[in-house]
Amino acid sequence: CNSINYCNKECQVSQWPKHKEICNTIKQIKKDVYDELAKVKDKHGMFGWMEPSFVEGGPTGNMREITFYLAMRVHYTHYLIKCGLENESKLAKELAMEHILDFFYINDKYGPPFYELAACLLVDLERYTEM
């Protein structure tokens, strides 16, 4: 899943039984997110669908596709956070934080549920200036 950095191969092998289930889940969700993103990009272009004006004022069809994609990203972010907490992985937490920051950029509708979580992650990651 590329969400954890290990000090060496032996550490990775010893931690595999603990990490295996969440690793496989993260890999599958990540694949699903990228597959869905490809569909949205094919239809709406690389970045046009991310503009707040498009998301807020777009036709119902646009919102349905984008909402589904974002819901999948929320699910992916949840598992990255879980992985980060269970394995004390700074990398997994950083990846989750980047997704959360994207939610803030895309639309205020998706940001508010993450405000408290974002603050906690920023403190945990010692990214105080971004708070």
N, C-alpha and C. Protein backbone atom coordinates (compact mmCIF):
# COMPACT_ATOMS: atom_id res chain seq x y z
N CYS A 1 0.83 -1.20 0.00
CA CYS A 1 0.00 0.00 0.00
C CYS A 1 0.87 1.26 0.00
N ASN A 2 2.16 1.08 0.29
CA ASN A 2 3.10 2.20 0.33
C ASN A 2 2.71 3.27 1.34
N SER A 3 2.16 2.85 2.48
CA SER A 3 1.74 3.79 3.52
C SER A 3 2.63 3.74 4.75
N ILE A 4 3.60 2.87 4.74
CA ILE A 4 4.49 2.73 5.89
C ILE A 4 5.93 2.62 5.38
N ASN A 5 6.83 3.32 6.03
CA ASN A 5 8.26 3.15 5.77
C ASN A 5 8.84 2.27 6.88
N TYR A 6 9.55 1.25 6.48
CA TYR A 6 10.18 0.36 7.45
C TYR A 6 11.67 0.62 7.49
N CYS A 7 12.27 0.34 8.64
CA CYS A 7 13.71 0.60 8.79
C CYS A 7 14.53 -0.37 7.94
N ASN A 8 14.03 -1.58 7.75
CA ASN A 8 14.73 -2.57 6.92
C ASN A 8 13.77 -3.71 6.56
N LYS A 9 14.24 -4.62 5.74
CA LYS A 9 13.42 -5.74 5.27
C LYS A 9 12.94 -6.62 6.42
N GLU A 10 13.79 -6.84 7.42
CA GLU A 10 13.42 -7.69 8.55
C GLU A 10 12.23 -7.09 9.33
N CYS A 11 12.25 -5.78 9.52
CA CYS A 11 11.13 -5.12 10.20
C CYS A 11 9.85 -5.27 9.39
N GLN A 12 9.99 -5.11 8.08
CA GLN A 12 8.82 -5.23 7.21
C GLN A 12 8.23 -6.64 7.30
N VAL A 13 9.07 -7.64 7.24
CA VAL A 13 8.60 -9.03 7.30
C VAL A 13 7.98 -9.33 8.67
N SER A 14 8.58 -8.84 9.73
CA SER A 14 8.04 -9.12 11.07
C SER A 14 6.71 -8.42 11.31
N GLN A 15 6.49 -7.27 10.67
CA GLN A 15 5.24 -6.52 10.85
C GLN A 15 4.14 -6.95 9.88
N TRP A 16 4.48 -7.77 8.88
CA TRP A 16 3.50 -8.13 7.87
C TRP A 16 2.23 -8.76 8.43
N PRO A 17 2.31 -9.70 9.37
CA PRO A 17 1.06 -10.29 9.88
C PRO A 17 0.11 -9.23 10.47
N LYS A 18 0.65 -8.23 11.11
CA LYS A 18 -0.17 -7.16 11.70
C LYS A 18 -0.72 -6.22 10.62
N HIS A 19 0.06 -5.97 9.59
CA HIS A 19 -0.28 -4.97 8.59
C HIS A 19 -1.03 -5.55 7.39
N LYS A 20 -0.98 -6.84 7.19
CA LYS A 20 -1.49 -7.47 5.96
C LYS A 20 -2.92 -7.09 5.62
N GLU A 21 -3.84 -7.19 6.56
CA GLU A 21 -5.25 -6.95 6.26
C GLU A 21 -5.50 -5.50 5.82
N ILE A 22 -4.98 -4.55 6.58
CA ILE A 22 -5.22 -3.15 6.23
C ILE A 22 -4.46 -2.79 4.95
N CYS A 23 -3.32 -3.39 4.73
CA CYS A 23 -2.54 -3.13 3.52
C CYS A 23 -3.35 -3.53 2.28
N ASN A 24 -3.91 -4.72 2.31
CA ASN A 24 -4.70 -5.19 1.18
C ASN A 24 -5.95 -4.33 0.97
N THR A 25 -6.56 -3.90 2.06
CA THR A 25 -7.74 -3.02 1.97
C THR A 25 -7.36 -1.69 1.34
N ILE A 26 -6.27 -1.09 1.81
CA ILE A 26 -5.81 0.19 1.27
C ILE A 26 -5.48 0.06 -0.22
N LYS A 27 -4.81 -1.01 -0.61
CA LYS A 27 -4.47 -1.19 -2.02
C LYS A 27 -5.72 -1.26 -2.89
N GLN A 28 -6.74 -1.98 -2.44
CA GLN A 28 -7.96 -2.11 -3.23
C GLN A 28 -8.71 -0.77 -3.30
N ILE A 29 -8.81 -0.08 -2.18
CA ILE A 29 -9.51 1.21 -2.18
C ILE A 29 -8.76 2.21 -3.05
N LYS A 30 -7.44 2.21 -2.96
CA LYS A 30 -6.63 3.11 -3.77
C LYS A 30 -6.88 2.85 -5.26
N LYS A 31 -6.92 1.59 -5.65
CA LYS A 31 -7.20 1.23 -7.04
C LYS A 31 -8.59 1.74 -7.45
N ASP A 32 -9.58 1.52 -6.58
CA ASP A 32 -10.94 1.97 -6.87
C ASP A 32 -11.01 3.50 -7.03
N VAL A 33 -10.30 4.21 -6.16
CA VAL A 33 -10.28 5.68 -6.23
C VAL A 33 -9.67 6.14 -7.56
N TYR A 34 -8.54 5.55 -7.94
CA TYR A 34 -7.90 5.96 -9.18
C TYR A 34 -8.74 5.58 -10.40
N ASP A 35 -9.42 4.43 -10.36
CA ASP A 35 -10.31 4.05 -11.46
C ASP A 35 -11.44 5.06 -11.60
N GLU A 36 -12.03 5.45 -10.48
CA GLU A 36 -13.13 6.42 -10.51
C GLU A 36 -12.64 7.79 -10.97
N LEU A 37 -11.46 8.19 -10.51
CA LEU A 37 -10.88 9.46 -10.94
C LEU A 37 -10.67 9.48 -12.44
N ALA A 38 -10.21 8.37 -13.00
CA ALA A 38 -9.99 8.29 -14.44
C ALA A 38 -11.30 8.53 -15.19
N LYS A 39 -12.40 7.97 -14.71
CA LYS A 39 -13.70 8.18 -15.35
C LYS A 39 -14.10 9.66 -15.31
N VAL A 40 -13.91 10.29 -14.15
CA VAL A 40 -14.28 11.70 -14.00
C VAL A 40 -13.40 12.56 -14.90
N LYS A 41 -12.09 12.29 -14.92
CA LYS A 41 -11.17 13.07 -15.75
C LYS A 41 -11.49 12.91 -17.23
N ASP A 42 -11.82 11.68 -17.65
CA ASP A 42 -12.15 11.45 -19.06
C ASP A 42 -13.35 12.28 -19.48
N LYS A 43 -14.30 12.43 -18.60
CA LYS A 43 -15.52 13.15 -18.93
C LYS A 43 -15.37 14.67 -18.78
N HIS A 44 -14.62 15.12 -17.76
CA HIS A 44 -14.60 16.54 -17.41
C HIS A 44 -13.24 17.21 -17.55
N GLY A 45 -12.23 16.49 -17.97
CA GLY A 45 -10.90 17.07 -18.09
C GLY A 45 -10.10 16.91 -16.81
N MET A 46 -8.84 17.20 -16.89
CA MET A 46 -7.91 16.96 -15.79
C MET A 46 -8.27 17.72 -14.52
N PHE A 47 -8.48 19.02 -14.60
CA PHE A 47 -8.69 19.81 -13.39
C PHE A 47 -10.00 20.58 -13.38
N GLY A 48 -10.69 20.66 -14.49
CA GLY A 48 -11.92 21.44 -14.56
C GLY A 48 -12.95 21.05 -13.52
N TRP A 49 -13.05 19.77 -13.24
CA TRP A 49 -14.05 19.29 -12.28
C TRP A 49 -13.70 19.66 -10.85
N MET A 50 -12.46 20.06 -10.59
CA MET A 50 -12.05 20.40 -9.22
C MET A 50 -12.34 21.84 -8.86
N GLU A 51 -12.65 22.66 -9.84
CA GLU A 51 -12.91 24.06 -9.55
C GLU A 51 -14.16 24.20 -8.68
N PRO A 52 -14.09 24.99 -7.62
CA PRO A 52 -15.26 25.15 -6.74
C PRO A 52 -16.51 25.56 -7.49
N SER A 53 -16.39 26.41 -8.51
CA SER A 53 -17.58 26.86 -9.25
C SER A 53 -18.24 25.69 -9.98
N PHE A 54 -17.45 24.77 -10.48
CA PHE A 54 -18.00 23.60 -11.17
C PHE A 54 -18.73 22.71 -10.18
N VAL A 55 -18.10 22.46 -9.04
CA VAL A 55 -18.69 21.58 -8.03
C VAL A 55 -19.97 22.18 -7.47
N GLU A 56 -19.95 23.47 -7.19
CA GLU A 56 -21.12 24.12 -6.58
C GLU A 56 -22.27 24.28 -7.57
N GLY A 57 -21.97 24.65 -8.82
CA GLY A 57 -23.04 24.98 -9.76
C GLY A 57 -23.26 23.95 -10.85
N GLY A 58 -22.50 22.85 -10.80
CA GLY A 58 -22.57 21.87 -11.88
C GLY A 58 -23.89 21.15 -11.95
N PRO A 59 -24.20 20.58 -13.10
CA PRO A 59 -25.42 19.80 -13.26
C PRO A 59 -25.45 18.61 -12.31
N THR A 60 -26.63 18.08 -12.09
CA THR A 60 -26.80 16.96 -11.16
C THR A 60 -25.89 15.80 -11.50
N GLY A 61 -25.76 15.50 -12.79
CA GLY A 61 -24.90 14.38 -13.20
C GLY A 61 -23.47 14.58 -12.76
N ASN A 62 -22.96 15.82 -12.88
CA ASN A 62 -21.60 16.10 -12.44
C ASN A 62 -21.46 15.84 -10.95
N MET A 63 -22.43 16.33 -10.19
CA MET A 63 -22.35 16.18 -8.74
C MET A 63 -22.39 14.71 -8.32
N ARG A 64 -23.20 13.92 -8.98
CA ARG A 64 -23.30 12.50 -8.63
C ARG A 64 -21.95 11.81 -8.81
N GLU A 65 -21.31 12.03 -9.94
CA GLU A 65 -20.01 11.41 -10.21
C GLU A 65 -18.95 11.90 -9.23
N ILE A 66 -18.92 13.20 -9.04
CA ILE A 66 -17.91 13.78 -8.17
C ILE A 66 -18.13 13.38 -6.72
N THR A 67 -19.39 13.36 -6.29
CA THR A 67 -19.69 12.96 -4.93
C THR A 67 -19.27 11.52 -4.69
N PHE A 68 -19.51 10.65 -5.65
CA PHE A 68 -19.10 9.25 -5.52
C PHE A 68 -17.59 9.14 -5.42
N TYR A 69 -16.89 9.86 -6.29
CA TYR A 69 -15.42 9.86 -6.25
C TYR A 69 -14.91 10.36 -4.89
N LEU A 70 -15.47 11.48 -4.42
CA LEU A 70 -15.03 12.03 -3.14
C LEU A 70 -15.36 11.10 -1.98
N ALA A 71 -16.49 10.44 -2.04
CA ALA A 71 -16.84 9.47 -0.99
C ALA A 71 -15.82 8.34 -0.95
N MET A 72 -15.37 7.92 -2.12
CA MET A 72 -14.34 6.88 -2.16
C MET A 72 -13.03 7.39 -1.56
N ARG A 73 -12.71 8.66 -1.83
CA ARG A 73 -11.49 9.24 -1.25
C ARG A 73 -11.60 9.37 0.26
N VAL A 74 -12.79 9.68 0.76
CA VAL A 74 -13.00 9.74 2.21
C VAL A 74 -12.73 8.36 2.81
N HIS A 75 -13.25 7.34 2.16
CA HIS A 75 -13.04 5.96 2.62
C HIS A 75 -11.55 5.62 2.63
N TYR A 76 -10.84 6.00 1.57
CA TYR A 76 -9.40 5.78 1.46
C TYR A 76 -8.67 6.53 2.57
N THR A 77 -9.06 7.78 2.80
CA THR A 77 -8.44 8.59 3.85
C THR A 77 -8.64 7.96 5.22
N HIS A 78 -9.82 7.44 5.47
CA HIS A 78 -10.11 6.76 6.73
C HIS A 78 -9.12 5.62 6.96
N TYR A 79 -8.88 4.81 5.96
CA TYR A 79 -7.96 3.69 6.12
C TYR A 79 -6.51 4.14 6.24
N LEU A 80 -6.14 5.23 5.58
CA LEU A 80 -4.79 5.76 5.76
C LEU A 80 -4.59 6.22 7.20
N ILE A 81 -5.60 6.87 7.77
CA ILE A 81 -5.51 7.31 9.17
C ILE A 81 -5.42 6.11 10.09
N LYS A 82 -6.26 5.13 9.84
CA LYS A 82 -6.23 3.91 10.65
C LYS A 82 -4.86 3.24 10.59
N CYS A 83 -4.32 3.15 9.39
CA CYS A 83 -2.98 2.57 9.21
C CYS A 83 -1.93 3.40 9.95
N GLY A 84 -2.03 4.72 9.84
CA GLY A 84 -1.07 5.59 10.51
C GLY A 84 -1.10 5.44 12.02
N LEU A 85 -2.30 5.33 12.57
CA LEU A 85 -2.44 5.21 14.02
C LEU A 85 -2.02 3.82 14.52
N GLU A 86 -2.45 2.79 13.81
CA GLU A 86 -2.13 1.42 14.24
C GLU A 86 -0.65 1.10 14.12
N ASN A 87 0.01 1.70 13.13
CA ASN A 87 1.41 1.38 12.86
C ASN A 87 2.36 2.52 13.17
N GLU A 88 1.83 3.59 13.76
CA GLU A 88 2.63 4.78 14.03
C GLU A 88 3.39 5.23 12.78
N SER A 89 2.67 5.23 11.65
CA SER A 89 3.27 5.58 10.37
C SER A 89 3.04 7.05 10.05
N LYS A 90 4.11 7.81 10.08
CA LYS A 90 4.03 9.22 9.73
C LYS A 90 3.64 9.36 8.26
N LEU A 91 4.14 8.48 7.41
CA LEU A 91 3.83 8.54 5.99
C LEU A 91 2.33 8.38 5.75
N ALA A 92 1.69 7.42 6.39
CA ALA A 92 0.25 7.21 6.22
C ALA A 92 -0.52 8.44 6.68
N LYS A 93 -0.09 9.03 7.79
CA LYS A 93 -0.76 10.24 8.29
C LYS A 93 -0.57 11.41 7.33
N GLU A 94 0.61 11.55 6.76
CA GLU A 94 0.88 12.62 5.79
C GLU A 94 0.00 12.44 4.54
N LEU A 95 -0.11 11.20 4.06
CA LEU A 95 -0.96 10.93 2.90
C LEU A 95 -2.41 11.29 3.21
N ALA A 96 -2.88 10.90 4.38
CA ALA A 96 -4.25 11.23 4.79
C ALA A 96 -4.44 12.75 4.86
N MET A 97 -3.47 13.44 5.41
CA MET A 97 -3.56 14.89 5.55
C MET A 97 -3.66 15.55 4.18
N GLU A 98 -2.92 15.06 3.19
CA GLU A 98 -2.99 15.64 1.85
C GLU A 98 -4.39 15.47 1.25
N HIS A 99 -5.01 14.33 1.48
CA HIS A 99 -6.38 14.14 1.01
C HIS A 99 -7.33 15.11 1.70
N ILE A 100 -7.18 15.27 3.00
CA ILE A 100 -8.04 16.18 3.76
C ILE A 100 -7.88 17.61 3.25
N LEU A 101 -6.66 18.02 2.99
CA LEU A 101 -6.44 19.37 2.46
C LEU A 101 -7.08 19.52 1.08
N ASP A 102 -7.07 18.46 0.29
CA ASP A 102 -7.76 18.51 -1.00
C ASP A 102 -9.26 18.71 -0.81
N PHE A 103 -9.84 18.05 0.19
CA PHE A 103 -11.27 18.23 0.45
C PHE A 103 -11.58 19.69 0.75
N PHE A 104 -10.71 20.35 1.51
CA PHE A 104 -10.92 21.76 1.82
C PHE A 104 -10.88 22.59 0.54
N TYR A 105 -9.95 22.28 -0.35
CA TYR A 105 -9.80 23.04 -1.58
C TYR A 105 -11.00 22.83 -2.51
N ILE A 106 -11.43 21.60 -2.66
CA ILE A 106 -12.47 21.27 -3.63
C ILE A 106 -13.79 21.95 -3.30
N ASN A 107 -14.18 21.89 -2.02
CA ASN A 107 -15.49 22.45 -1.71
C ASN A 107 -15.66 22.49 -0.20
N ASP A 108 -16.20 23.58 0.31
CA ASP A 108 -16.44 23.69 1.75
C ASP A 108 -17.37 22.60 2.25
N LYS A 109 -18.21 22.07 1.38
CA LYS A 109 -19.15 21.02 1.77
C LYS A 109 -18.41 19.79 2.31
N TYR A 110 -17.24 19.51 1.74
CA TYR A 110 -16.50 18.32 2.15
C TYR A 110 -15.48 18.60 3.24
N GLY A 111 -15.17 19.88 3.46
CA GLY A 111 -14.15 20.22 4.44
C GLY A 111 -14.58 20.17 5.89
N PRO A 112 -15.74 20.76 6.27
CA PRO A 112 -16.09 20.87 7.69
C PRO A 112 -16.02 19.59 8.52
N PRO A 113 -16.44 18.43 8.00
CA PRO A 113 -16.33 17.25 8.85
C PRO A 113 -14.88 16.89 9.21
N PHE A 114 -13.94 17.50 8.49
CA PHE A 114 -12.54 17.16 8.70
C PHE A 114 -11.77 18.21 9.49
N TYR A 115 -12.40 19.31 9.88
CA TYR A 115 -11.67 20.38 10.55
C TYR A 115 -10.95 19.89 11.81
N GLU A 116 -11.68 19.22 12.69
CA GLU A 116 -11.08 18.76 13.94
C GLU A 116 -10.02 17.70 13.68
N LEU A 117 -10.33 16.77 12.79
CA LEU A 117 -9.37 15.73 12.45
C LEU A 117 -8.11 16.33 11.84
N ALA A 118 -8.28 17.31 10.97
CA ALA A 118 -7.13 17.96 10.34
C ALA A 118 -6.26 18.63 11.40
N ALA A 119 -6.87 19.31 12.34
CA ALA A 119 -6.10 19.97 13.40
C ALA A 119 -5.31 18.94 14.21
N CYS A 120 -5.95 17.84 14.55
CA CYS A 120 -5.27 16.78 15.33
C CYS A 120 -4.10 16.18 14.54
N LEU A 121 -4.32 15.92 13.25
CA LEU A 121 -3.24 15.36 12.43
C LEU A 121 -2.09 16.34 12.27
N LEU A 122 -2.41 17.61 12.08
CA LEU A 122 -1.36 18.62 11.93
C LEU A 122 -0.51 18.71 13.19
N VAL A 123 -1.14 18.63 14.35
CA VAL A 123 -0.39 18.64 15.61
C VAL A 123 0.47 17.38 15.71
N ASP A 124 -0.14 16.23 15.42
CA ASP A 124 0.59 14.96 15.49
C ASP A 124 1.79 14.96 14.54
N LEU A 125 1.64 15.60 13.39
CA LEU A 125 2.71 15.64 12.40
C LEU A 125 3.66 16.83 12.61
N GLU A 126 3.39 17.62 13.66
CA GLU A 126 4.19 18.79 14.01
C GLU A 126 4.24 19.80 12.87
N ARG A 127 3.09 19.98 12.19
CA ARG A 127 2.96 20.95 11.11
C ARG A 127 2.18 22.16 11.66
N TYR A 128 2.73 22.77 12.68
CA TYR A 128 2.05 23.83 13.43
C TYR A 128 1.74 25.06 12.59
N THR A 129 2.62 25.42 11.68
CA THR A 129 2.41 26.65 10.91
C THR A 129 1.19 26.55 10.00
N GLU A 130 0.79 25.34 9.63
CA GLU A 130 -0.35 25.16 8.74
C GLU A 130 -1.67 25.27 9.47
N MET A 131 -1.64 25.20 10.79
CA MET A 131 -2.87 25.29 11.57
C MET A 131 -3.39 26.71 11.52
